[in-house]
Structure formats: C-alpha cells, structure tokens
N, C-alpha and C. Protein backbone atom coordinates (compact mmCIF):
# COMPACT_ATOMS: atom_id res chain seq x y z
N MET A 1 21.63 -9.10 -0.97
CA MET A 1 21.66 -8.00 -1.92
C MET A 1 21.88 -8.55 -3.31
N ASN A 2 21.43 -7.80 -4.29
CA ASN A 2 21.59 -8.17 -5.68
C ASN A 2 22.19 -6.97 -6.40
N ASP A 3 23.49 -7.04 -6.68
CA ASP A 3 24.18 -5.93 -7.33
C ASP A 3 24.20 -6.13 -8.83
N ASN A 4 24.30 -5.03 -9.56
CA ASN A 4 24.45 -5.12 -11.01
C ASN A 4 25.45 -4.07 -11.46
N PRO A 5 25.86 -4.10 -12.71
CA PRO A 5 26.91 -3.20 -13.18
C PRO A 5 26.56 -1.70 -13.05
N GLN A 6 25.29 -1.34 -13.05
CA GLN A 6 24.91 0.06 -12.94
C GLN A 6 24.98 0.57 -11.50
N GLY A 7 25.39 -0.27 -10.57
CA GLY A 7 25.49 0.14 -9.18
C GLY A 7 24.17 0.12 -8.44
N ILE A 8 23.15 -0.46 -9.06
CA ILE A 8 21.85 -0.56 -8.43
C ILE A 8 21.88 -1.74 -7.46
N ILE A 9 21.37 -1.51 -6.27
CA ILE A 9 21.28 -2.59 -5.28
C ILE A 9 19.80 -2.87 -5.04
N ARG A 10 19.44 -4.16 -5.17
CA ARG A 10 18.06 -4.59 -4.92
C ARG A 10 18.05 -5.59 -3.77
N CYS A 11 16.87 -5.73 -3.19
CA CYS A 11 16.66 -6.79 -2.21
C CYS A 11 16.91 -8.12 -2.91
N SER A 12 17.54 -9.06 -2.23
CA SER A 12 17.97 -10.31 -2.87
C SER A 12 16.82 -11.13 -3.45
N TRP A 13 15.61 -11.05 -2.85
CA TRP A 13 14.50 -11.86 -3.34
C TRP A 13 14.13 -11.51 -4.78
N ALA A 14 14.48 -10.30 -5.25
CA ALA A 14 14.10 -9.86 -6.60
C ALA A 14 14.88 -10.60 -7.67
N GLY A 15 16.00 -11.23 -7.31
CA GLY A 15 16.75 -12.02 -8.27
C GLY A 15 17.13 -11.25 -9.52
N THR A 16 17.08 -11.93 -10.67
CA THR A 16 17.49 -11.31 -11.93
C THR A 16 16.36 -11.30 -12.96
N ASP A 17 15.24 -11.90 -12.65
CA ASP A 17 14.11 -11.91 -13.59
C ASP A 17 13.64 -10.47 -13.83
N PRO A 18 13.57 -10.02 -15.08
CA PRO A 18 13.17 -8.64 -15.36
C PRO A 18 11.77 -8.28 -14.81
N LEU A 19 10.85 -9.24 -14.84
CA LEU A 19 9.51 -8.98 -14.32
C LEU A 19 9.55 -8.77 -12.80
N TYR A 20 10.32 -9.62 -12.12
CA TYR A 20 10.49 -9.48 -10.67
C TYR A 20 11.16 -8.15 -10.34
N ASN A 21 12.21 -7.80 -11.11
CA ASN A 21 12.92 -6.55 -10.88
C ASN A 21 11.99 -5.35 -11.05
N LYS A 22 11.17 -5.36 -12.10
CA LYS A 22 10.22 -4.26 -12.34
C LYS A 22 9.23 -4.15 -11.18
N TYR A 23 8.70 -5.29 -10.74
CA TYR A 23 7.78 -5.29 -9.60
C TYR A 23 8.46 -4.74 -8.35
N HIS A 24 9.66 -5.24 -8.07
CA HIS A 24 10.43 -4.77 -6.91
C HIS A 24 10.68 -3.28 -6.98
N ASP A 25 11.12 -2.80 -8.13
CA ASP A 25 11.54 -1.41 -8.28
C ASP A 25 10.37 -0.43 -8.28
N GLU A 26 9.25 -0.84 -8.86
CA GLU A 26 8.15 0.11 -9.09
C GLU A 26 6.95 -0.05 -8.16
N GLU A 27 6.78 -1.23 -7.53
CA GLU A 27 5.57 -1.44 -6.75
C GLU A 27 5.80 -1.86 -5.31
N TRP A 28 6.64 -2.85 -5.10
CA TRP A 28 6.79 -3.46 -3.78
C TRP A 28 7.22 -2.43 -2.75
N GLY A 29 6.44 -2.31 -1.69
CA GLY A 29 6.78 -1.39 -0.62
C GLY A 29 6.33 0.04 -0.86
N LYS A 30 5.72 0.31 -2.02
CA LYS A 30 5.24 1.66 -2.33
C LYS A 30 3.81 1.80 -1.82
N GLU A 31 3.56 2.88 -1.09
CA GLU A 31 2.24 3.10 -0.50
C GLU A 31 1.14 3.21 -1.54
N VAL A 32 0.07 2.45 -1.33
CA VAL A 32 -1.11 2.47 -2.20
C VAL A 32 -2.33 2.71 -1.31
N HIS A 33 -3.17 3.64 -1.70
CA HIS A 33 -4.40 3.88 -0.94
C HIS A 33 -5.64 3.77 -1.82
N ASP A 34 -5.46 3.31 -3.04
CA ASP A 34 -6.54 3.16 -4.00
C ASP A 34 -7.20 1.79 -3.83
N ASP A 35 -8.50 1.78 -3.56
CA ASP A 35 -9.19 0.51 -3.32
C ASP A 35 -9.13 -0.44 -4.52
N LYS A 36 -9.11 0.09 -5.73
CA LYS A 36 -9.04 -0.80 -6.89
C LYS A 36 -7.73 -1.58 -6.90
N THR A 37 -6.64 -0.89 -6.60
CA THR A 37 -5.34 -1.57 -6.54
C THR A 37 -5.29 -2.52 -5.35
N LEU A 38 -5.87 -2.12 -4.23
CA LEU A 38 -5.91 -3.01 -3.07
C LEU A 38 -6.70 -4.27 -3.39
N PHE A 39 -7.79 -4.13 -4.17
CA PHE A 39 -8.56 -5.30 -4.57
C PHE A 39 -7.75 -6.17 -5.54
N GLU A 40 -7.05 -5.54 -6.46
CA GLU A 40 -6.20 -6.30 -7.39
C GLU A 40 -5.23 -7.18 -6.62
N PHE A 41 -4.55 -6.59 -5.64
CA PHE A 41 -3.59 -7.39 -4.88
C PHE A 41 -4.27 -8.42 -3.98
N LEU A 42 -5.47 -8.15 -3.55
CA LEU A 42 -6.23 -9.16 -2.80
C LEU A 42 -6.45 -10.39 -3.69
N ILE A 43 -6.87 -10.17 -4.92
CA ILE A 43 -7.08 -11.27 -5.87
C ILE A 43 -5.77 -11.99 -6.16
N LEU A 44 -4.74 -11.21 -6.48
CA LEU A 44 -3.45 -11.81 -6.86
C LEU A 44 -2.80 -12.55 -5.69
N GLU A 45 -2.78 -11.93 -4.52
CA GLU A 45 -2.14 -12.59 -3.37
C GLU A 45 -2.90 -13.84 -2.96
N SER A 46 -4.23 -13.80 -3.03
CA SER A 46 -5.01 -15.00 -2.71
C SER A 46 -4.75 -16.12 -3.71
N ALA A 47 -4.58 -15.76 -4.97
CA ALA A 47 -4.27 -16.75 -6.01
C ALA A 47 -2.89 -17.36 -5.77
N GLN A 48 -2.01 -16.57 -5.17
CA GLN A 48 -0.63 -17.01 -4.95
C GLN A 48 -0.50 -18.07 -3.87
N ALA A 49 -1.47 -18.19 -2.99
CA ALA A 49 -1.38 -19.13 -1.87
C ALA A 49 -0.86 -20.49 -2.34
N GLY A 50 0.28 -20.90 -1.78
CA GLY A 50 0.87 -22.19 -2.12
C GLY A 50 1.74 -22.17 -3.38
N LEU A 51 1.84 -21.03 -4.03
CA LEU A 51 2.62 -20.90 -5.26
C LEU A 51 3.67 -19.81 -5.09
N SER A 52 4.56 -19.68 -6.06
CA SER A 52 5.54 -18.60 -6.01
C SER A 52 4.91 -17.32 -6.57
N TRP A 53 5.38 -16.19 -6.07
CA TRP A 53 4.84 -14.90 -6.52
C TRP A 53 5.12 -14.67 -8.01
N ILE A 54 6.27 -15.13 -8.49
CA ILE A 54 6.59 -14.94 -9.91
C ILE A 54 5.57 -15.66 -10.80
N THR A 55 5.05 -16.79 -10.33
CA THR A 55 4.02 -17.51 -11.07
C THR A 55 2.80 -16.62 -11.29
N ILE A 56 2.42 -15.88 -10.27
CA ILE A 56 1.26 -14.98 -10.36
C ILE A 56 1.60 -13.74 -11.17
N LEU A 57 2.79 -13.18 -10.95
CA LEU A 57 3.17 -11.99 -11.73
C LEU A 57 3.13 -12.28 -13.23
N ARG A 58 3.56 -13.46 -13.61
CA ARG A 58 3.55 -13.83 -15.04
C ARG A 58 2.14 -13.96 -15.59
N ARG A 59 1.17 -14.14 -14.71
CA ARG A 59 -0.23 -14.27 -15.13
C ARG A 59 -1.06 -13.02 -14.80
N ARG A 60 -0.42 -11.97 -14.36
CA ARG A 60 -1.14 -10.78 -13.90
C ARG A 60 -2.08 -10.24 -14.96
N GLU A 61 -1.63 -10.14 -16.20
CA GLU A 61 -2.50 -9.62 -17.27
C GLU A 61 -3.65 -10.59 -17.53
N GLY A 62 -3.39 -11.87 -17.40
CA GLY A 62 -4.45 -12.86 -17.54
C GLY A 62 -5.52 -12.66 -16.47
N TYR A 63 -5.07 -12.38 -15.26
CA TYR A 63 -6.01 -12.10 -14.16
C TYR A 63 -6.78 -10.81 -14.42
N ARG A 64 -6.08 -9.81 -14.93
CA ARG A 64 -6.74 -8.53 -15.21
C ARG A 64 -7.88 -8.74 -16.21
N LYS A 65 -7.62 -9.53 -17.25
CA LYS A 65 -8.67 -9.80 -18.27
C LYS A 65 -9.77 -10.68 -17.69
N ALA A 66 -9.38 -11.72 -17.00
CA ALA A 66 -10.35 -12.69 -16.48
C ALA A 66 -11.24 -12.10 -15.39
N PHE A 67 -10.70 -11.18 -14.60
CA PHE A 67 -11.43 -10.61 -13.47
C PHE A 67 -11.82 -9.16 -13.74
N ALA A 68 -12.32 -8.90 -14.95
CA ALA A 68 -12.97 -7.63 -15.31
C ALA A 68 -12.15 -6.41 -14.93
N GLY A 69 -10.84 -6.45 -15.20
CA GLY A 69 -9.99 -5.31 -14.88
C GLY A 69 -9.93 -5.02 -13.39
N PHE A 70 -10.19 -6.04 -12.59
CA PHE A 70 -10.22 -5.94 -11.12
C PHE A 70 -11.29 -4.96 -10.64
N ASP A 71 -12.40 -4.92 -11.36
CA ASP A 71 -13.55 -4.12 -10.94
C ASP A 71 -14.31 -4.95 -9.90
N VAL A 72 -14.25 -4.53 -8.65
CA VAL A 72 -14.80 -5.31 -7.54
C VAL A 72 -16.29 -5.59 -7.72
N HIS A 73 -17.04 -4.63 -8.22
CA HIS A 73 -18.49 -4.81 -8.38
C HIS A 73 -18.80 -5.85 -9.46
N LYS A 74 -18.02 -5.82 -10.54
CA LYS A 74 -18.22 -6.82 -11.61
C LYS A 74 -17.85 -8.22 -11.11
N VAL A 75 -16.75 -8.32 -10.39
CA VAL A 75 -16.32 -9.63 -9.88
C VAL A 75 -17.34 -10.16 -8.87
N ALA A 76 -17.85 -9.29 -8.01
CA ALA A 76 -18.84 -9.70 -7.01
C ALA A 76 -20.11 -10.24 -7.68
N ALA A 77 -20.38 -9.81 -8.91
CA ALA A 77 -21.58 -10.25 -9.64
C ALA A 77 -21.34 -11.47 -10.52
N PHE A 78 -20.13 -12.03 -10.49
CA PHE A 78 -19.84 -13.22 -11.30
C PHE A 78 -20.81 -14.35 -10.94
N THR A 79 -21.18 -15.10 -11.95
CA THR A 79 -22.14 -16.20 -11.82
C THR A 79 -21.43 -17.55 -11.94
N ASP A 80 -22.22 -18.61 -11.86
CA ASP A 80 -21.67 -19.96 -12.05
C ASP A 80 -21.07 -20.09 -13.45
N GLU A 81 -21.68 -19.42 -14.43
CA GLU A 81 -21.14 -19.45 -15.80
C GLU A 81 -19.76 -18.81 -15.84
N ASP A 82 -19.58 -17.72 -15.08
CA ASP A 82 -18.28 -17.08 -15.01
C ASP A 82 -17.25 -18.01 -14.38
N VAL A 83 -17.66 -18.73 -13.36
CA VAL A 83 -16.75 -19.68 -12.71
C VAL A 83 -16.30 -20.72 -13.73
N GLU A 84 -17.22 -21.24 -14.51
CA GLU A 84 -16.86 -22.24 -15.53
C GLU A 84 -15.96 -21.63 -16.60
N ARG A 85 -16.23 -20.39 -16.99
CA ARG A 85 -15.36 -19.68 -17.95
C ARG A 85 -13.95 -19.57 -17.39
N LEU A 86 -13.84 -19.17 -16.12
CA LEU A 86 -12.54 -19.01 -15.48
C LEU A 86 -11.80 -20.34 -15.34
N MET A 87 -12.55 -21.41 -15.14
CA MET A 87 -11.93 -22.73 -15.02
C MET A 87 -11.29 -23.17 -16.34
N GLN A 88 -11.68 -22.55 -17.44
CA GLN A 88 -11.12 -22.87 -18.76
C GLN A 88 -10.05 -21.87 -19.20
N ASP A 89 -9.81 -20.85 -18.39
CA ASP A 89 -8.92 -19.74 -18.76
C ASP A 89 -7.47 -20.09 -18.41
N ALA A 90 -6.66 -20.35 -19.43
CA ALA A 90 -5.26 -20.72 -19.21
C ALA A 90 -4.41 -19.54 -18.74
N GLY A 91 -4.97 -18.34 -18.75
CA GLY A 91 -4.23 -17.16 -18.32
C GLY A 91 -4.19 -16.97 -16.81
N ILE A 92 -4.91 -17.83 -16.06
CA ILE A 92 -4.94 -17.73 -14.61
C ILE A 92 -4.68 -19.11 -14.00
N ILE A 93 -4.57 -19.16 -12.70
CA ILE A 93 -4.47 -20.44 -12.00
C ILE A 93 -5.90 -20.99 -11.91
N ARG A 94 -6.12 -22.12 -12.53
CA ARG A 94 -7.48 -22.67 -12.61
C ARG A 94 -7.77 -23.57 -11.42
N ASN A 95 -7.96 -22.93 -10.30
CA ASN A 95 -8.28 -23.61 -9.06
C ASN A 95 -9.67 -23.14 -8.64
N ARG A 96 -10.62 -24.06 -8.67
CA ARG A 96 -12.02 -23.70 -8.40
C ARG A 96 -12.19 -23.01 -7.04
N LEU A 97 -11.53 -23.53 -6.01
CA LEU A 97 -11.67 -22.92 -4.68
C LEU A 97 -11.15 -21.49 -4.65
N LYS A 98 -10.04 -21.23 -5.34
CA LYS A 98 -9.50 -19.88 -5.38
C LYS A 98 -10.39 -18.95 -6.21
N ILE A 99 -10.97 -19.46 -7.28
CA ILE A 99 -11.88 -18.66 -8.11
C ILE A 99 -13.13 -18.31 -7.30
N LEU A 100 -13.71 -19.30 -6.64
CA LEU A 100 -14.89 -19.05 -5.81
C LEU A 100 -14.57 -18.08 -4.68
N ALA A 101 -13.38 -18.22 -4.11
CA ALA A 101 -12.96 -17.31 -3.03
C ALA A 101 -12.82 -15.89 -3.56
N ALA A 102 -12.31 -15.72 -4.76
CA ALA A 102 -12.15 -14.37 -5.34
C ALA A 102 -13.51 -13.69 -5.46
N ILE A 103 -14.51 -14.43 -5.89
CA ILE A 103 -15.86 -13.86 -6.05
C ILE A 103 -16.46 -13.54 -4.68
N SER A 104 -16.34 -14.47 -3.76
CA SER A 104 -16.85 -14.25 -2.41
C SER A 104 -16.11 -13.10 -1.72
N ASN A 105 -14.78 -13.07 -1.87
CA ASN A 105 -13.98 -12.00 -1.27
C ASN A 105 -14.36 -10.63 -1.85
N ALA A 106 -14.73 -10.59 -3.13
CA ALA A 106 -15.17 -9.33 -3.74
C ALA A 106 -16.42 -8.80 -3.03
N LYS A 107 -17.34 -9.68 -2.74
CA LYS A 107 -18.57 -9.27 -2.05
C LYS A 107 -18.24 -8.76 -0.64
N LEU A 108 -17.34 -9.44 0.03
CA LEU A 108 -16.93 -9.03 1.38
C LEU A 108 -16.14 -7.73 1.36
N PHE A 109 -15.35 -7.53 0.32
CA PHE A 109 -14.59 -6.30 0.12
C PHE A 109 -15.56 -5.11 0.04
N ILE A 110 -16.64 -5.28 -0.72
CA ILE A 110 -17.66 -4.23 -0.86
C ILE A 110 -18.33 -3.96 0.50
N ASP A 111 -18.60 -5.03 1.25
CA ASP A 111 -19.18 -4.86 2.58
C ASP A 111 -18.28 -3.99 3.46
N ILE A 112 -16.97 -4.26 3.41
CA ILE A 112 -16.02 -3.48 4.21
C ILE A 112 -15.98 -2.03 3.73
N GLN A 113 -16.02 -1.83 2.41
CA GLN A 113 -16.06 -0.46 1.89
C GLN A 113 -17.27 0.30 2.44
N GLN A 114 -18.39 -0.38 2.48
CA GLN A 114 -19.61 0.27 2.98
C GLN A 114 -19.50 0.55 4.48
N GLU A 115 -18.91 -0.37 5.22
CA GLU A 115 -18.79 -0.20 6.66
C GLU A 115 -17.76 0.87 7.06
N PHE A 116 -16.62 0.92 6.37
CA PHE A 116 -15.51 1.79 6.76
C PHE A 116 -15.33 3.01 5.85
N GLY A 117 -16.04 3.05 4.74
CA GLY A 117 -15.85 4.14 3.78
C GLY A 117 -14.90 3.77 2.66
N SER A 118 -13.95 2.89 2.96
CA SER A 118 -13.02 2.35 1.96
C SER A 118 -12.31 1.15 2.55
N PHE A 119 -11.83 0.28 1.69
CA PHE A 119 -11.05 -0.86 2.15
C PHE A 119 -9.73 -0.36 2.75
N ASP A 120 -9.19 0.70 2.16
CA ASP A 120 -7.96 1.31 2.65
C ASP A 120 -8.11 1.75 4.12
N LYS A 121 -9.20 2.42 4.44
CA LYS A 121 -9.42 2.86 5.83
C LYS A 121 -9.51 1.66 6.77
N TYR A 122 -10.16 0.61 6.30
CA TYR A 122 -10.25 -0.62 7.10
C TYR A 122 -8.85 -1.16 7.39
N LEU A 123 -8.03 -1.35 6.34
CA LEU A 123 -6.70 -1.91 6.54
C LEU A 123 -5.86 -1.05 7.48
N TYR A 124 -5.89 0.26 7.25
CA TYR A 124 -5.04 1.14 8.06
C TYR A 124 -5.55 1.30 9.48
N SER A 125 -6.76 0.86 9.76
CA SER A 125 -7.24 0.89 11.14
C SER A 125 -6.46 -0.08 12.02
N PHE A 126 -5.75 -1.02 11.41
CA PHE A 126 -4.94 -1.99 12.14
C PHE A 126 -3.49 -1.52 12.31
N MET A 127 -3.12 -0.46 11.61
CA MET A 127 -1.73 -0.03 11.60
C MET A 127 -1.46 0.95 12.75
N PRO A 128 -0.28 0.84 13.38
CA PRO A 128 0.06 1.77 14.47
C PRO A 128 0.00 3.22 13.98
N GLY A 129 -0.87 4.00 14.60
CA GLY A 129 -1.03 5.39 14.20
C GLY A 129 -1.65 5.57 12.83
N GLY A 130 -2.18 4.49 12.26
CA GLY A 130 -2.78 4.57 10.94
C GLY A 130 -1.78 4.83 9.83
N LYS A 131 -0.51 4.50 10.08
CA LYS A 131 0.57 4.80 9.14
C LYS A 131 1.29 3.52 8.71
N PRO A 132 1.96 3.57 7.55
CA PRO A 132 2.76 2.41 7.13
C PRO A 132 3.94 2.19 8.07
N ILE A 133 4.45 0.99 8.05
CA ILE A 133 5.62 0.63 8.84
C ILE A 133 6.83 0.57 7.91
N ILE A 134 7.87 1.31 8.25
CA ILE A 134 9.11 1.29 7.48
C ILE A 134 10.12 0.49 8.30
N ASN A 135 10.51 -0.66 7.77
CA ASN A 135 11.46 -1.51 8.47
C ASN A 135 12.87 -1.28 7.95
N HIS A 136 13.84 -1.56 8.79
CA HIS A 136 15.25 -1.38 8.42
C HIS A 136 16.01 -2.64 8.83
N HIS A 137 15.59 -3.77 8.31
CA HIS A 137 16.24 -5.02 8.69
C HIS A 137 16.56 -5.84 7.45
N HIS A 138 17.37 -6.86 7.65
CA HIS A 138 17.75 -7.73 6.54
C HIS A 138 16.92 -9.01 6.50
N LYS A 139 16.34 -9.39 7.62
CA LYS A 139 15.53 -10.61 7.66
C LYS A 139 14.06 -10.20 7.65
N ILE A 140 13.39 -10.54 6.56
CA ILE A 140 11.99 -10.16 6.40
C ILE A 140 11.10 -11.22 7.05
N PRO A 141 10.20 -10.80 7.92
CA PRO A 141 9.33 -11.78 8.57
C PRO A 141 8.25 -12.30 7.60
N ALA A 142 7.69 -13.43 7.92
CA ALA A 142 6.59 -13.99 7.11
C ALA A 142 5.25 -13.41 7.56
N SER A 143 5.21 -12.91 8.79
CA SER A 143 3.99 -12.32 9.33
C SER A 143 4.37 -11.40 10.48
N THR A 144 3.40 -10.59 10.90
CA THR A 144 3.61 -9.66 12.01
C THR A 144 2.34 -9.63 12.85
N PRO A 145 2.37 -9.01 14.01
CA PRO A 145 1.13 -8.87 14.78
C PRO A 145 0.02 -8.17 13.99
N GLU A 146 0.41 -7.20 13.14
CA GLU A 146 -0.59 -6.50 12.32
C GLU A 146 -1.21 -7.43 11.29
N SER A 147 -0.38 -8.23 10.60
CA SER A 147 -0.94 -9.16 9.61
C SER A 147 -1.77 -10.24 10.29
N ASP A 148 -1.35 -10.64 11.49
CA ASP A 148 -2.15 -11.61 12.27
C ASP A 148 -3.54 -11.04 12.55
N ALA A 149 -3.57 -9.78 13.01
CA ALA A 149 -4.85 -9.15 13.38
C ALA A 149 -5.75 -8.94 12.17
N ILE A 150 -5.16 -8.47 11.06
CA ILE A 150 -5.96 -8.24 9.85
C ILE A 150 -6.52 -9.55 9.32
N SER A 151 -5.66 -10.55 9.18
CA SER A 151 -6.13 -11.83 8.62
C SER A 151 -7.15 -12.50 9.54
N LYS A 152 -6.97 -12.37 10.84
CA LYS A 152 -7.93 -12.94 11.79
C LYS A 152 -9.30 -12.27 11.62
N ASP A 153 -9.30 -10.93 11.50
CA ASP A 153 -10.55 -10.21 11.33
C ASP A 153 -11.18 -10.54 9.97
N MET A 154 -10.36 -10.62 8.94
CA MET A 154 -10.90 -10.92 7.61
C MET A 154 -11.46 -12.34 7.57
N LYS A 155 -10.78 -13.28 8.23
CA LYS A 155 -11.30 -14.65 8.30
C LYS A 155 -12.65 -14.68 9.01
N LYS A 156 -12.74 -13.92 10.10
CA LYS A 156 -13.99 -13.83 10.85
C LYS A 156 -15.11 -13.28 9.96
N ARG A 157 -14.76 -12.39 9.05
CA ARG A 157 -15.73 -11.80 8.12
C ARG A 157 -16.05 -12.73 6.95
N GLY A 158 -15.28 -13.82 6.80
CA GLY A 158 -15.57 -14.80 5.76
C GLY A 158 -14.58 -14.85 4.61
N PHE A 159 -13.53 -14.03 4.62
CA PHE A 159 -12.54 -14.05 3.55
C PHE A 159 -11.82 -15.39 3.52
N LYS A 160 -11.49 -15.84 2.33
CA LYS A 160 -10.76 -17.09 2.13
C LYS A 160 -9.42 -16.80 1.46
N PHE A 161 -8.47 -17.72 1.65
CA PHE A 161 -7.14 -17.63 1.07
C PHE A 161 -6.47 -16.30 1.43
N PHE A 162 -6.57 -15.91 2.70
CA PHE A 162 -5.96 -14.67 3.15
C PHE A 162 -5.48 -14.82 4.59
N GLY A 163 -4.65 -15.85 4.81
CA GLY A 163 -4.04 -16.04 6.12
C GLY A 163 -2.98 -14.98 6.38
N THR A 164 -2.34 -15.08 7.52
CA THR A 164 -1.41 -14.03 7.95
C THR A 164 -0.22 -13.87 7.00
N THR A 165 0.29 -14.96 6.41
CA THR A 165 1.43 -14.84 5.49
C THR A 165 1.01 -14.15 4.20
N ILE A 166 -0.13 -14.54 3.66
CA ILE A 166 -0.65 -13.88 2.45
C ILE A 166 -0.98 -12.43 2.77
N CYS A 167 -1.55 -12.18 3.94
CA CYS A 167 -1.86 -10.81 4.36
C CYS A 167 -0.59 -9.97 4.42
N TYR A 168 0.47 -10.54 4.99
CA TYR A 168 1.72 -9.76 5.08
C TYR A 168 2.28 -9.47 3.70
N ALA A 169 2.18 -10.43 2.79
CA ALA A 169 2.62 -10.19 1.41
C ALA A 169 1.79 -9.07 0.77
N HIS A 170 0.49 -9.05 1.06
CA HIS A 170 -0.38 -7.98 0.57
C HIS A 170 0.06 -6.64 1.15
N MET A 171 0.40 -6.62 2.42
CA MET A 171 0.86 -5.40 3.07
C MET A 171 2.16 -4.90 2.43
N GLN A 172 3.06 -5.82 2.09
CA GLN A 172 4.30 -5.44 1.42
C GLN A 172 4.02 -4.91 0.01
N ALA A 173 3.15 -5.61 -0.71
CA ALA A 173 2.85 -5.23 -2.09
C ALA A 173 2.23 -3.85 -2.18
N THR A 174 1.48 -3.46 -1.15
CA THR A 174 0.76 -2.19 -1.20
C THR A 174 1.37 -1.12 -0.29
N GLY A 175 2.57 -1.38 0.21
CA GLY A 175 3.29 -0.36 0.96
C GLY A 175 2.79 -0.12 2.37
N MET A 176 1.95 -0.99 2.89
CA MET A 176 1.58 -0.86 4.30
C MET A 176 2.81 -1.12 5.17
N VAL A 177 3.71 -1.92 4.64
CA VAL A 177 5.03 -2.10 5.22
C VAL A 177 6.05 -1.96 4.10
N ASN A 178 7.18 -1.40 4.44
CA ASN A 178 8.28 -1.29 3.48
C ASN A 178 9.42 -2.10 4.06
N ASP A 179 9.69 -3.25 3.42
CA ASP A 179 10.71 -4.16 3.90
C ASP A 179 11.97 -4.15 3.03
N HIS A 180 12.15 -3.10 2.21
CA HIS A 180 13.39 -3.02 1.43
C HIS A 180 14.56 -2.99 2.41
N ILE A 181 15.62 -3.72 2.09
CA ILE A 181 16.81 -3.71 2.94
C ILE A 181 17.39 -2.30 2.95
N PRO A 182 18.11 -1.93 4.00
CA PRO A 182 18.63 -0.56 4.10
C PRO A 182 19.48 -0.13 2.90
N GLU A 183 20.21 -1.08 2.27
CA GLU A 183 21.10 -0.74 1.16
C GLU A 183 20.38 -0.65 -0.17
N CYS A 184 19.10 -1.05 -0.22
CA CYS A 184 18.36 -1.12 -1.48
C CYS A 184 18.24 0.26 -2.12
N SER A 185 18.45 0.33 -3.41
CA SER A 185 18.31 1.58 -4.16
C SER A 185 16.87 2.03 -4.29
N PHE A 186 15.92 1.16 -3.96
CA PHE A 186 14.50 1.45 -4.20
C PHE A 186 13.67 1.57 -2.93
N LYS A 187 14.31 1.71 -1.77
CA LYS A 187 13.58 1.76 -0.50
C LYS A 187 12.73 2.99 -0.33
C-alpha cells in the first residue's frame, strides 16, 4: 500500500511519481470498450516489452504524435519512409522491430475488427461470461489463463510483442481485469 497525508490509499506499484499516480487513479483497472483506446494500449504495451511502464508513460504523448493519434487505419498504412521517420523520433522507443510490429499489429487489429465487429468483442470473447474480472488479492499475477489464451491466439494470428505478460498488462490497463488491492481508494 502507498499511503499519503490525504488518507488516499493506492496500490504499492504506483509509488510516488505523479504520472504513475495519475495513471493508477484514472485509468488502470477502469473498463474500456473503445477500440481506439484498446489500440493505443496495444501500441504502448508492445513498446513496453522489456522496459518499465513508467518509461512508456513518459513517452505517451510522443507515441500519440508519432503514431497518428493512434488511428489504426493510418498506422496500418505506414510505409518504409514512416519507419525511418519513427527511427529518428526521440519521443518514442526507437526499436525497429517494435516499430515494424506496431504497423503489422495495426493491420491485424483491423482484420480482427472485421472478423468480430470490434477488437473489444474479440478480447471479451476470451473472458468468463464476457465480463471483466474483479480480483481481491494482494499478489498480482504476471499472467492468467485468459491472458495465455488471448496472447496464444494473437500470436497465431501474427501479432508481435504481445506475449502473455504484456497481454495481462493490457488487460489491466483497459479494465478487463481490476487488480486494485482491496484497500485501494481507486478500485
């Protein structure tokens, strides 16, 4: 737990960084069903692979600018010139494989939208009863059977940088699971 003088209790991972606290308080564990936001977190979580989440949060606006406001159709149409532009963009993580994966994942995201009607419907097809999971524990897992199944299916479809741990982080970020500790003021 992370206590402060105002009596607010946060999950301990949020620490004291104001950006982390804002993310924890306003986004983490909150249900999202908007495909644009789901795509944003797909890009951000994939970029995070092997890095800390705060590193990506600090570059979120850079990603928003670099990746056309997270417009999936624009990102899916990125060219080799766009890849080279992104490789020079100090506002994002300049990893060629992650940049190429973001473009490829955008195309696959659109395929899923066409197949299921929305990316949201696709993701929730893996959830028990099609509903989010509300947890009441202090030890947060790195993955679950649901994240295993989603990441396995996405890998089979060709998605990159979206293993089960990254998938579970995406699920937490978009409220498919709510892992706030029971004492948290923001659960």
